[in-house]
């Protein structure tokens, strides 16, 4: 395990990431925001919105890991479809060169086009944290542009979703619990600090790597830990291969802090790009 401390040059998030929509003339679709009243009670809690239509967010997912979380989450939400389009069938190696190869235009754009055609997506998300943040602040914007232009709908990535979730919750000081080598985790920290957040502590556990999806609930809790500086407002867990959705509520209660995990923020932000603004108990403060 490697633990480090970082600080940003700013105490408030004032970064430059923005919503990426198809370029003018690309044939993009119009999206209507749907808000509603009480609905049924899913396994995680209660949904407090009713959708008049199905909001579809296609997830571009590299390899295989915890992609089943998206199907599970869609079952808990009213009027939501979260289909997965795999961009890569091999192992996902966590070195910078391999991660850069995962996120190229040649790999993402065709997958985005397939997702739009097959699933009729209202938005498309690149559901890979490390395969986006290694590109840096400007690079994650370029990736989102490639996807949006190919799919002709709004698009983004997990890295951008983390930034947007932290802003929505008015969080400025965070801790990071990662499964990457320290050098890779450093790219994520730099993205966050570039966007104006203060990273008070950072833990890397690179030995987990390809086995992240096999971790038990107790092992995930151990990965995240429970020792953070008192002024940390949120704990960020940036690996879409980790199964975390069912644990978030318990983690937040135990830590008395906001917990943001990769599949959680990816779905949350993608749904907002698609026009879904429901409130759901049982999925952490982000969904309330």
C-alpha atoms as a PDB file:
ATOM      1  CA  UNK A   1       0.000   0.000   0.000  1.00  0.00           C
ATOM      2  CA  UNK A   2       1.225   3.486  -0.807  1.00  0.00           C
ATOM      3  CA  UNK A   3      -0.105   6.556   0.986  1.00  0.00           C
ATOM      4  CA  UNK A   4       0.595  10.137   0.011  1.00  0.00           C
ATOM      5  CA  UNK A   5      -0.733  13.624   0.670  1.00  0.00           C
ATOM      6  CA  UNK A   6      -1.404  16.275  -1.945  1.00  0.00           C
ATOM      7  CA  UNK A   7      -2.855  19.751  -1.899  1.00  0.00           C
ATOM      8  CA  UNK A   8      -4.332  21.829  -4.662  1.00  0.00           C
ATOM      9  CA  UNK A   9      -3.552  25.414  -5.547  1.00  0.00           C
ATOM     10  CA  UNK A  10      -7.158  26.372  -4.886  1.00  0.00           C
ATOM     11  CA  UNK A  11      -9.572  25.785  -2.025  1.00  0.00           C
ATOM     12  CA  UNK A  12     -12.640  25.806  -4.261  1.00  0.00           C
ATOM     13  CA  UNK A  13     -13.430  23.843  -7.440  1.00  0.00           C
ATOM     14  CA  UNK A  14     -13.104  26.255 -10.345  1.00  0.00           C
ATOM     15  CA  UNK A  15     -11.954  23.940 -13.144  1.00  0.00           C
ATOM     16  CA  UNK A  16     -12.640  23.962 -16.845  1.00  0.00           C
ATOM     17  CA  UNK A  17     -14.439  20.685 -17.605  1.00  0.00           C
ATOM     18  CA  UNK A  18     -17.796  21.146 -19.302  1.00  0.00           C
ATOM     19  CA  UNK A  19     -20.677  19.154 -20.767  1.00  0.00           C
ATOM     20  CA  UNK A  20     -19.834  17.689 -24.171  1.00  0.00           C
ATOM     21  CA  UNK A  21     -22.627  17.579 -26.712  1.00  0.00           C
ATOM     22  CA  UNK A  22     -22.473  16.740 -30.436  1.00  0.00           C
ATOM     23  CA  UNK A  23     -21.102  19.492 -32.646  1.00  0.00           C
ATOM     24  CA  UNK A  24     -23.680  21.616 -34.464  1.00  0.00           C
ATOM     25  CA  UNK A  25     -24.961  19.830 -37.524  1.00  0.00           C
ATOM     26  CA  UNK A  26     -23.981  16.391 -36.224  1.00  0.00           C
ATOM     27  CA  UNK A  27     -27.592  15.315 -36.014  1.00  0.00           C
ATOM     28  CA  UNK A  28     -27.882  15.204 -32.258  1.00  0.00           C
ATOM     29  CA  UNK A  29     -31.178  14.460 -30.554  1.00  0.00           C
ATOM     30  CA  UNK A  30     -33.221  16.689 -28.273  1.00  0.00           C
ATOM     31  CA  UNK A  31     -33.529  15.626 -24.642  1.00  0.00           C
ATOM     32  CA  UNK A  32     -36.369  16.437 -22.267  1.00  0.00           C
ATOM     33  CA  UNK A  33     -35.839  16.519 -18.534  1.00  0.00           C
ATOM     34  CA  UNK A  34     -38.323  14.270 -16.718  1.00  0.00           C
ATOM     35  CA  UNK A  35     -39.245  14.855 -13.103  1.00  0.00           C
ATOM     36  CA  UNK A  36     -42.049  13.164 -11.251  1.00  0.00           C
ATOM     37  CA  UNK A  37     -43.619  11.980  -8.029  1.00  0.00           C
ATOM     38  CA  UNK A  38     -43.432   8.866  -5.876  1.00  0.00           C
ATOM     39  CA  UNK A  39     -42.712   5.496  -7.397  1.00  0.00           C
ATOM     40  CA  UNK A  40     -42.236   1.974  -6.047  1.00  0.00           C
ATOM     41  CA  UNK A  41     -39.647   0.798  -3.574  1.00  0.00           C
ATOM     42  CA  UNK A  42     -36.617  -0.975  -5.115  1.00  0.00           C
ATOM     43  CA  UNK A  43     -34.185  -3.171  -3.235  1.00  0.00           C
ATOM     44  CA  UNK A  44     -31.910  -0.282  -2.303  1.00  0.00           C
ATOM     45  CA  UNK A  45     -34.541   2.124  -1.020  1.00  0.00           C
ATOM     46  CA  UNK A  46     -37.241   4.252  -2.601  1.00  0.00           C
ATOM     47  CA  UNK A  47     -37.331   6.057  -5.916  1.00  0.00           C
ATOM     48  CA  UNK A  48     -38.974   9.457  -5.687  1.00  0.00           C
ATOM     49  CA  UNK A  49     -39.473  10.156  -9.354  1.00  0.00           C
ATOM     50  CA  UNK A  50     -41.598   8.706 -12.143  1.00  0.00           C
ATOM     51  CA  UNK A  51     -40.322   8.899 -15.685  1.00  0.00           C
ATOM     52  CA  UNK A  52     -42.634   9.242 -18.656  1.00  0.00           C
ATOM     53  CA  UNK A  53     -40.087   7.534 -20.891  1.00  0.00           C
ATOM     54  CA  UNK A  54     -37.052   5.295 -20.620  1.00  0.00           C
ATOM     55  CA  UNK A  55     -33.745   7.122 -20.290  1.00  0.00           C
ATOM     56  CA  UNK A  56     -30.954   5.078 -21.851  1.00  0.00           C
ATOM     57  CA  UNK A  57     -27.311   5.666 -21.002  1.00  0.00           C
ATOM     58  CA  UNK A  58     -24.910   3.369 -22.824  1.00  0.00           C
ATOM     59  CA  UNK A  59     -21.775   2.437 -20.883  1.00  0.00           C
ATOM     60  CA  UNK A  60     -18.594   1.905 -22.875  1.00  0.00           C
ATOM     61  CA  UNK A  61     -16.762  -0.576 -20.673  1.00  0.00           C
ATOM     62  CA  UNK A  62     -13.263  -2.036 -21.185  1.00  0.00           C
ATOM     63  CA  UNK A  63     -12.849  -5.756 -20.510  1.00  0.00           C
ATOM     64  CA  UNK A  64     -14.930  -7.464 -17.844  1.00  0.00           C
ATOM     65  CA  UNK A  65     -15.195  -6.654 -14.156  1.00  0.00           C
ATOM     66  CA  UNK A  66     -18.083  -4.996 -12.366  1.00  0.00           C
ATOM     67  CA  UNK A  67     -20.152  -4.100 -15.427  1.00  0.00           C
ATOM     68  CA  UNK A  68     -23.028  -6.091 -13.895  1.00  0.00           C
ATOM     69  CA  UNK A  69     -23.532  -3.191 -11.470  1.00  0.00           C
ATOM     70  CA  UNK A  70     -25.156  -1.180 -14.234  1.00  0.00           C
ATOM     71  CA  UNK A  71     -27.835  -3.799 -14.904  1.00  0.00           C
ATOM     72  CA  UNK A  72     -28.467  -4.083 -11.162  1.00  0.00           C
ATOM     73  CA  UNK A  73     -28.731  -0.314 -10.794  1.00  0.00           C
ATOM     74  CA  UNK A  74     -31.146  -0.015 -13.731  1.00  0.00           C
ATOM     75  CA  UNK A  75     -33.437  -2.486 -11.957  1.00  0.00           C
ATOM     76  CA  UNK A  76     -33.585  -0.159  -8.948  1.00  0.00           C
ATOM     77  CA  UNK A  77     -34.541   2.935 -10.935  1.00  0.00           C
ATOM     78  CA  UNK A  78     -37.736   3.851 -12.709  1.00  0.00           C
ATOM     79  CA  UNK A  79     -37.502   4.519 -16.434  1.00  0.00           C
ATOM     80  CA  UNK A  80     -33.778   3.778 -16.741  1.00  0.00           C
ATOM     81  CA  UNK A  81     -31.762   1.513 -19.048  1.00  0.00           C
ATOM     82  CA  UNK A  82     -27.983   1.186 -18.642  1.00  0.00           C
ATOM     83  CA  UNK A  83     -26.729  -1.176 -21.375  1.00  0.00           C
ATOM     84  CA  UNK A  84     -23.027  -2.036 -21.573  1.00  0.00           C
ATOM     85  CA  UNK A  85     -21.001  -1.943 -24.781  1.00  0.00           C
ATOM     86  CA  UNK A  86     -17.590  -3.574 -24.355  1.00  0.00           C
ATOM     87  CA  UNK A  87     -14.691  -1.718 -25.944  1.00  0.00           C
ATOM     88  CA  UNK A  88     -12.046  -4.317 -25.158  1.00  0.00           C
ATOM     89  CA  UNK A  89     -12.110  -8.053 -24.455  1.00  0.00           C
ATOM     90  CA  UNK A  90      -8.619  -8.592 -23.086  1.00  0.00           C
ATOM     91  CA  UNK A  91      -7.026  -7.846 -19.707  1.00  0.00           C
ATOM     92  CA  UNK A  92      -6.974  -4.267 -18.474  1.00  0.00           C
ATOM     93  CA  UNK A  93      -3.375  -3.568 -17.500  1.00  0.00           C
ATOM     94  CA  UNK A  94      -2.794  -0.649 -15.165  1.00  0.00           C
ATOM     95  CA  UNK A  95       0.283   0.948 -16.651  1.00  0.00           C
ATOM     96  CA  UNK A  96       0.073   4.341 -18.317  1.00  0.00           C
ATOM     97  CA  UNK A  97       0.882   3.108 -21.827  1.00  0.00           C
ATOM     98  CA  UNK A  98      -1.797   0.394 -21.721  1.00  0.00           C
ATOM     99  CA  UNK A  99      -4.368   2.780 -20.272  1.00  0.00           C
ATOM    100  CA  UNK A 100      -3.683   5.337 -22.992  1.00  0.00           C
ATOM    101  CA  UNK A 101      -4.270   2.582 -25.571  1.00  0.00           C
ATOM    102  CA  UNK A 102      -7.666   1.803 -24.011  1.00  0.00           C
ATOM    103  CA  UNK A 103      -8.902   5.342 -24.514  1.00  0.00           C
ATOM    104  CA  UNK A 104      -7.970   6.124 -28.112  1.00  0.00           C
ATOM    105  CA  UNK A 105     -10.418   7.592 -30.605  1.00  0.00           C
ATOM    106  CA  UNK A 106     -10.020   4.465 -32.747  1.00  0.00           C
ATOM    107  CA  UNK A 107     -11.310   2.340 -29.873  1.00  0.00           C
ATOM    108  CA  UNK A 108     -13.980   4.617 -28.406  1.00  0.00           C
ATOM    109  CA  UNK A 109     -15.666   6.166 -31.445  1.00  0.00           C
ATOM    110  CA  UNK A 110     -16.770   2.874 -33.102  1.00  0.00           C
ATOM    111  CA  UNK A 111     -18.059   1.578 -29.751  1.00  0.00           C
ATOM    112  CA  UNK A 112     -20.011   4.799 -29.237  1.00  0.00           C
ATOM    113  CA  UNK A 113     -21.570   4.494 -32.679  1.00  0.00           C
ATOM    114  CA  UNK A 114     -22.562   0.876 -31.972  1.00  0.00           C
ATOM    115  CA  UNK A 115     -24.071   1.906 -28.643  1.00  0.00           C
ATOM    116  CA  UNK A 116     -26.153   4.604 -30.301  1.00  0.00           C
ATOM    117  CA  UNK A 117     -27.413   2.320 -33.051  1.00  0.00           C
ATOM    118  CA  UNK A 118     -28.085  -0.785 -30.980  1.00  0.00           C
ATOM    119  CA  UNK A 119     -29.390   0.767 -27.783  1.00  0.00           C
ATOM    120  CA  UNK A 120     -30.824   4.103 -28.950  1.00  0.00           C
ATOM    121  CA  UNK A 121     -28.788   5.827 -26.257  1.00  0.00           C
ATOM    122  CA  UNK A 122     -29.764   9.256 -24.922  1.00  0.00           C
ATOM    123  CA  UNK A 123     -26.212   9.666 -23.605  1.00  0.00           C
ATOM    124  CA  UNK A 124     -22.993   7.647 -23.718  1.00  0.00           C
ATOM    125  CA  UNK A 125     -20.395   7.313 -20.956  1.00  0.00           C
ATOM    126  CA  UNK A 126     -16.804   6.085 -21.188  1.00  0.00           C
ATOM    127  CA  UNK A 127     -17.033   3.958 -18.041  1.00  0.00           C
ATOM    128  CA  UNK A 128     -13.346   3.804 -17.278  1.00  0.00           C
ATOM    129  CA  UNK A 129     -11.636   6.082 -14.771  1.00  0.00           C
ATOM    130  CA  UNK A 130      -7.990   5.260 -15.428  1.00  0.00           C
ATOM    131  CA  UNK A 131      -8.507   5.065 -19.197  1.00  0.00           C
ATOM    132  CA  UNK A 132      -9.701   8.663 -19.114  1.00  0.00           C
ATOM    133  CA  UNK A 133      -7.727  10.524 -16.431  1.00  0.00           C
ATOM    134  CA  UNK A 134      -4.375   9.413 -17.905  1.00  0.00           C
ATOM    135  CA  UNK A 135      -5.208  11.768 -20.769  1.00  0.00           C
ATOM    136  CA  UNK A 136      -5.225  14.785 -18.461  1.00  0.00           C
ATOM    137  CA  UNK A 137      -7.760  17.582 -18.213  1.00  0.00           C
ATOM    138  CA  UNK A 138      -7.699  18.528 -21.896  1.00  0.00           C
ATOM    139  CA  UNK A 139      -7.548  14.881 -22.946  1.00  0.00           C
ATOM    140  CA  UNK A 140     -10.704  13.815 -21.098  1.00  0.00           C
ATOM    141  CA  UNK A 141     -12.540  16.583 -22.923  1.00  0.00           C
ATOM    142  CA  UNK A 142     -11.228  15.303 -26.258  1.00  0.00           C
ATOM    143  CA  UNK A 143     -12.352  11.768 -25.424  1.00  0.00           C
ATOM    144  CA  UNK A 144     -15.853  12.966 -24.597  1.00  0.00           C
ATOM    145  CA  UNK A 145     -15.935  14.892 -27.875  1.00  0.00           C
ATOM    146  CA  UNK A 146     -14.947  11.793 -29.873  1.00  0.00           C
ATOM    147  CA  UNK A 147     -17.759   9.820 -28.247  1.00  0.00           C
ATOM    148  CA  UNK A 148     -20.386  12.559 -28.575  1.00  0.00           C
ATOM    149  CA  UNK A 149     -19.635  13.145 -32.238  1.00  0.00           C
ATOM    150  CA  UNK A 150     -19.734   9.416 -33.018  1.00  0.00           C
ATOM    151  CA  UNK A 151     -22.929   8.694 -31.058  1.00  0.00           C
ATOM    152  CA  UNK A 152     -24.552  12.091 -31.766  1.00  0.00           C
ATOM    153  CA  UNK A 153     -25.720  12.399 -28.165  1.00  0.00           C
ATOM    154  CA  UNK A 154     -24.183  13.992 -25.049  1.00  0.00           C
ATOM    155  CA  UNK A 155     -21.191  12.058 -23.755  1.00  0.00           C
ATOM    156  CA  UNK A 156     -18.716  12.052 -20.916  1.00  0.00           C
ATOM    157  CA  UNK A 157     -16.478   9.753 -18.842  1.00  0.00           C
ATOM    158  CA  UNK A 158     -16.057   8.489 -15.309  1.00  0.00           C
ATOM    159  CA  UNK A 159     -13.258  10.964 -14.607  1.00  0.00           C
ATOM    160  CA  UNK A 160     -15.428  13.919 -15.577  1.00  0.00           C
ATOM    161  CA  UNK A 161     -18.329  12.395 -13.637  1.00  0.00           C
ATOM    162  CA  UNK A 162     -16.250  12.416 -10.451  1.00  0.00           C
ATOM    163  CA  UNK A 163     -15.546  16.113 -10.924  1.00  0.00           C
ATOM    164  CA  UNK A 164     -19.209  16.902 -11.580  1.00  0.00           C
ATOM    165  CA  UNK A 165     -20.362  14.845  -8.589  1.00  0.00           C
ATOM    166  CA  UNK A 166     -17.929  16.628  -6.251  1.00  0.00           C
ATOM    167  CA  UNK A 167     -19.123  19.984  -7.545  1.00  0.00           C
ATOM    168  CA  UNK A 168     -22.783  19.039  -7.188  1.00  0.00           C
ATOM    169  CA  UNK A 169     -22.186  18.073  -3.554  1.00  0.00           C
ATOM    170  CA  UNK A 170     -20.072  21.210  -2.920  1.00  0.00           C
ATOM    171  CA  UNK A 171     -17.123  19.109  -1.815  1.00  0.00           C
ATOM    172  CA  UNK A 172     -13.665  20.688  -1.911  1.00  0.00           C
ATOM    173  CA  UNK A 173     -11.449  18.437   0.247  1.00  0.00           C
ATOM    174  CA  UNK A 174     -11.235  14.720  -0.470  1.00  0.00           C
ATOM    175  CA  UNK A 175      -9.405  11.444   0.132  1.00  0.00           C
ATOM    176  CA  UNK A 176      -8.667   8.949  -2.657  1.00  0.00           C
ATOM    177  CA  UNK A 177      -8.663   5.145  -2.221  1.00  0.00           C
ATOM    178  CA  UNK A 178      -7.312   3.592  -5.431  1.00  0.00           C
ATOM    179  CA  UNK A 179      -6.365   0.188  -6.825  1.00  0.00           C
ATOM    180  CA  UNK A 180      -3.738   1.542  -9.239  1.00  0.00           C
ATOM    181  CA  UNK A 181       0.046   1.824  -9.030  1.00  0.00           C
ATOM    182  CA  UNK A 182       1.033   5.129  -7.359  1.00  0.00           C
ATOM    183  CA  UNK A 183       2.262   6.614 -10.648  1.00  0.00           C
ATOM    184  CA  UNK A 184      -1.140   5.994 -12.253  1.00  0.00           C
ATOM    185  CA  UNK A 185      -3.072   7.226  -9.224  1.00  0.00           C
ATOM    186  CA  UNK A 186      -0.989  10.395  -9.437  1.00  0.00           C
ATOM    187  CA  UNK A 187      -2.609  11.212 -12.781  1.00  0.00           C
ATOM    188  CA  UNK A 188      -6.027  11.091 -11.125  1.00  0.00           C
ATOM    189  CA  UNK A 189      -4.850  13.318  -8.295  1.00  0.00           C
ATOM    190  CA  UNK A 190      -3.449  15.824 -10.787  1.00  0.00           C
ATOM    191  CA  UNK A 191      -6.767  15.921 -12.657  1.00  0.00           C
ATOM    192  CA  UNK A 192      -8.630  16.600  -9.421  1.00  0.00           C
ATOM    193  CA  UNK A 193      -6.218  19.298  -8.289  1.00  0.00           C
ATOM    194  CA  UNK A 194      -6.298  20.880 -11.759  1.00  0.00           C
ATOM    195  CA  UNK A 195     -10.058  21.127 -11.274  1.00  0.00           C
ATOM    196  CA  UNK A 196      -9.606  22.921  -7.956  1.00  0.00           C
ATOM    197  CA  UNK A 197     -10.056  20.137  -5.390  1.00  0.00           C
ATOM    198  CA  UNK A 198      -7.773  19.537  -2.441  1.00  0.00           C
ATOM    199  CA  UNK A 199      -6.636  15.910  -2.078  1.00  0.00           C
ATOM    200  CA  UNK A 200      -5.814  15.478   1.595  1.00  0.00           C
ATOM    201  CA  UNK A 201      -4.774  11.825   1.423  1.00  0.00           C
ATOM    202  CA  UNK A 202      -4.265   9.187  -1.241  1.00  0.00           C
ATOM    203  CA  UNK A 203      -3.924   5.429  -0.848  1.00  0.00           C
ATOM    204  CA  UNK A 204      -2.825   3.140  -3.713  1.00  0.00           C
ATOM    205  CA  UNK A 205      -3.089  -0.648  -3.547  1.00  0.00           C
ATOM    206  CA  UNK A 206      -1.714  -1.804  -6.910  1.00  0.00           C
ATOM    207  CA  UNK A 207      -1.636  -5.500  -5.982  1.00  0.00           C
ATOM    208  CA  UNK A 208      -5.416  -5.592  -6.367  1.00  0.00           C
ATOM    209  CA  UNK A 209      -5.275  -4.606 -10.048  1.00  0.00           C
ATOM    210  CA  UNK A 210      -7.002  -7.171 -12.257  1.00  0.00           C
ATOM    211  CA  UNK A 211      -8.607  -8.866  -9.243  1.00  0.00           C
ATOM    212  CA  UNK A 212     -10.653  -5.819  -8.200  1.00  0.00           C
ATOM    213  CA  UNK A 213     -13.936  -7.325  -9.381  1.00  0.00           C
ATOM    214  CA  UNK A 214     -13.420 -10.408  -7.191  1.00  0.00           C
ATOM    215  CA  UNK A 215     -13.095  -8.495  -3.913  1.00  0.00           C
ATOM    216  CA  UNK A 216     -15.655  -9.286  -1.238  1.00  0.00           C
ATOM    217  CA  UNK A 217     -17.640  -6.543   0.467  1.00  0.00           C
ATOM    218  CA  UNK A 218     -15.323  -6.799   3.455  1.00  0.00           C
ATOM    219  CA  UNK A 219     -12.245  -6.500   1.234  1.00  0.00           C
ATOM    220  CA  UNK A 220     -13.691  -3.409  -0.432  1.00  0.00           C
ATOM    221  CA  UNK A 221     -14.276  -1.876   2.989  1.00  0.00           C
ATOM    222  CA  UNK A 222     -10.684  -2.695   3.919  1.00  0.00           C
ATOM    223  CA  UNK A 223      -9.432  -1.103   0.693  1.00  0.00           C
ATOM    224  CA  UNK A 224     -11.266   2.112   1.456  1.00  0.00           C
ATOM    225  CA  UNK A 225     -10.221   2.137   5.106  1.00  0.00           C
ATOM    226  CA  UNK A 226     -11.498   4.351   7.888  1.00  0.00           C
ATOM    227  CA  UNK A 227      -8.638   6.685   8.795  1.00  0.00           C
ATOM    228  CA  UNK A 228      -8.962  10.028   7.075  1.00  0.00           C
ATOM    229  CA  UNK A 229      -8.137  13.600   8.069  1.00  0.00           C
ATOM    230  CA  UNK A 230     -11.012  15.124  10.010  1.00  0.00           C
ATOM    231  CA  UNK A 231     -11.623  17.830   7.412  1.00  0.00           C
ATOM    232  CA  UNK A 232     -12.040  15.392   4.501  1.00  0.00           C
ATOM    233  CA  UNK A 233     -15.580  15.738   3.176  1.00  0.00           C
ATOM    234  CA  UNK A 234     -15.651  12.831   0.737  1.00  0.00           C
ATOM    235  CA  UNK A 235     -13.836   9.587  -0.027  1.00  0.00           C
ATOM    236  CA  UNK A 236     -13.351   8.889  -3.741  1.00  0.00           C
ATOM    237  CA  UNK A 237     -12.946   5.308  -5.010  1.00  0.00           C
ATOM    238  CA  UNK A 238     -12.014   5.475  -8.721  1.00  0.00           C
ATOM    239  CA  UNK A 239     -12.148   1.926 -10.137  1.00  0.00           C
ATOM    240  CA  UNK A 240     -15.112   0.778 -12.267  1.00  0.00           C
ATOM    241  CA  UNK A 241     -13.973  -2.847 -11.702  1.00  0.00           C
ATOM    242  CA  UNK A 242     -14.956  -2.673  -8.023  1.00  0.00           C
ATOM    243  CA  UNK A 243     -18.404  -3.799  -6.852  1.00  0.00           C
ATOM    244  CA  UNK A 244     -19.432  -0.932  -4.593  1.00  0.00           C
ATOM    245  CA  UNK A 245     -23.029   0.141  -5.275  1.00  0.00           C
ATOM    246  CA  UNK A 246     -24.613  -2.030  -2.586  1.00  0.00           C
ATOM    247  CA  UNK A 247     -22.082  -0.810   0.000  1.00  0.00           C
ATOM    248  CA  UNK A 248     -22.232   2.962  -0.395  1.00  0.00           C
ATOM    249  CA  UNK A 249     -24.957   3.711   2.142  1.00  0.00           C
ATOM    250  CA  UNK A 250     -23.289   1.609   4.847  1.00  0.00           C
ATOM    251  CA  UNK A 251     -19.897   3.135   4.055  1.00  0.00           C
ATOM    252  CA  UNK A 252     -21.255   6.660   4.362  1.00  0.00           C
ATOM    253  CA  UNK A 253     -22.878   5.896   7.679  1.00  0.00           C
ATOM    254  CA  UNK A 254     -19.742   4.213   9.031  1.00  0.00           C
ATOM    255  CA  UNK A 255     -17.344   6.928   7.878  1.00  0.00           C
ATOM    256  CA  UNK A 256     -19.724   9.854   8.366  1.00  0.00           C
ATOM    257  CA  UNK A 257     -18.475  11.143   5.025  1.00  0.00           C
ATOM    258  CA  UNK A 258     -19.708  11.209   1.457  1.00  0.00           C
ATOM    259  CA  UNK A 259     -18.500   8.188  -0.527  1.00  0.00           C
ATOM    260  CA  UNK A 260     -18.239   8.412  -4.303  1.00  0.00           C
ATOM    261  CA  UNK A 261     -17.448   5.319  -6.347  1.00  0.00           C
ATOM    262  CA  UNK A 262     -16.743   4.905 -10.039  1.00  0.00           C
ATOM    263  CA  UNK A 263     -19.858   3.097 -11.271  1.00  0.00           C
ATOM    264  CA  UNK A 264     -22.052   5.260  -9.036  1.00  0.00           C
ATOM    265  CA  UNK A 265     -20.838   8.597 -10.449  1.00  0.00           C
ATOM    266  CA  UNK A 266     -20.725   7.260 -14.023  1.00  0.00           C
ATOM    267  CA  UNK A 267     -24.389   6.271 -13.906  1.00  0.00           C
ATOM    268  CA  UNK A 268     -25.430   9.419 -12.017  1.00  0.00           C
ATOM    269  CA  UNK A 269     -23.802  11.828 -14.460  1.00  0.00           C
ATOM    270  CA  UNK A 270     -24.803   9.881 -17.539  1.00  0.00           C
ATOM    271  CA  UNK A 271     -28.425   9.928 -16.377  1.00  0.00           C
ATOM    272  CA  UNK A 272     -28.294  13.678 -15.916  1.00  0.00           C
ATOM    273  CA  UNK A 273     -26.927  14.089 -19.429  1.00  0.00           C
ATOM    274  CA  UNK A 274     -29.849  11.934 -20.592  1.00  0.00           C
ATOM    275  CA  UNK A 275     -32.374  14.090 -18.743  1.00  0.00           C
ATOM    276  CA  UNK A 276     -33.120  11.882 -15.713  1.00  0.00           C
ATOM    277  CA  UNK A 277     -33.081  13.706 -12.368  1.00  0.00           C
ATOM    278  CA  UNK A 278     -34.534  11.219  -9.929  1.00  0.00           C
ATOM    279  CA  UNK A 279     -33.802  10.995  -6.210  1.00  0.00           C
ATOM    280  CA  UNK A 280     -33.111   7.569  -4.799  1.00  0.00           C
ATOM    281  CA  UNK A 281     -32.503   6.333  -1.271  1.00  0.00           C
ATOM    282  CA  UNK A 282     -29.898   3.635  -0.760  1.00  0.00           C
ATOM    283  CA  UNK A 283     -27.305   4.770  -3.297  1.00  0.00           C
ATOM    284  CA  UNK A 284     -25.490   7.391  -1.244  1.00  0.00           C
ATOM    285  CA  UNK A 285     -25.906  11.104  -0.804  1.00  0.00           C
ATOM    286  CA  UNK A 286     -25.120  11.708  -4.467  1.00  0.00           C
ATOM    287  CA  UNK A 287     -28.531  10.316  -5.492  1.00  0.00           C
ATOM    288  CA  UNK A 288     -30.502  12.223  -2.843  1.00  0.00           C
END
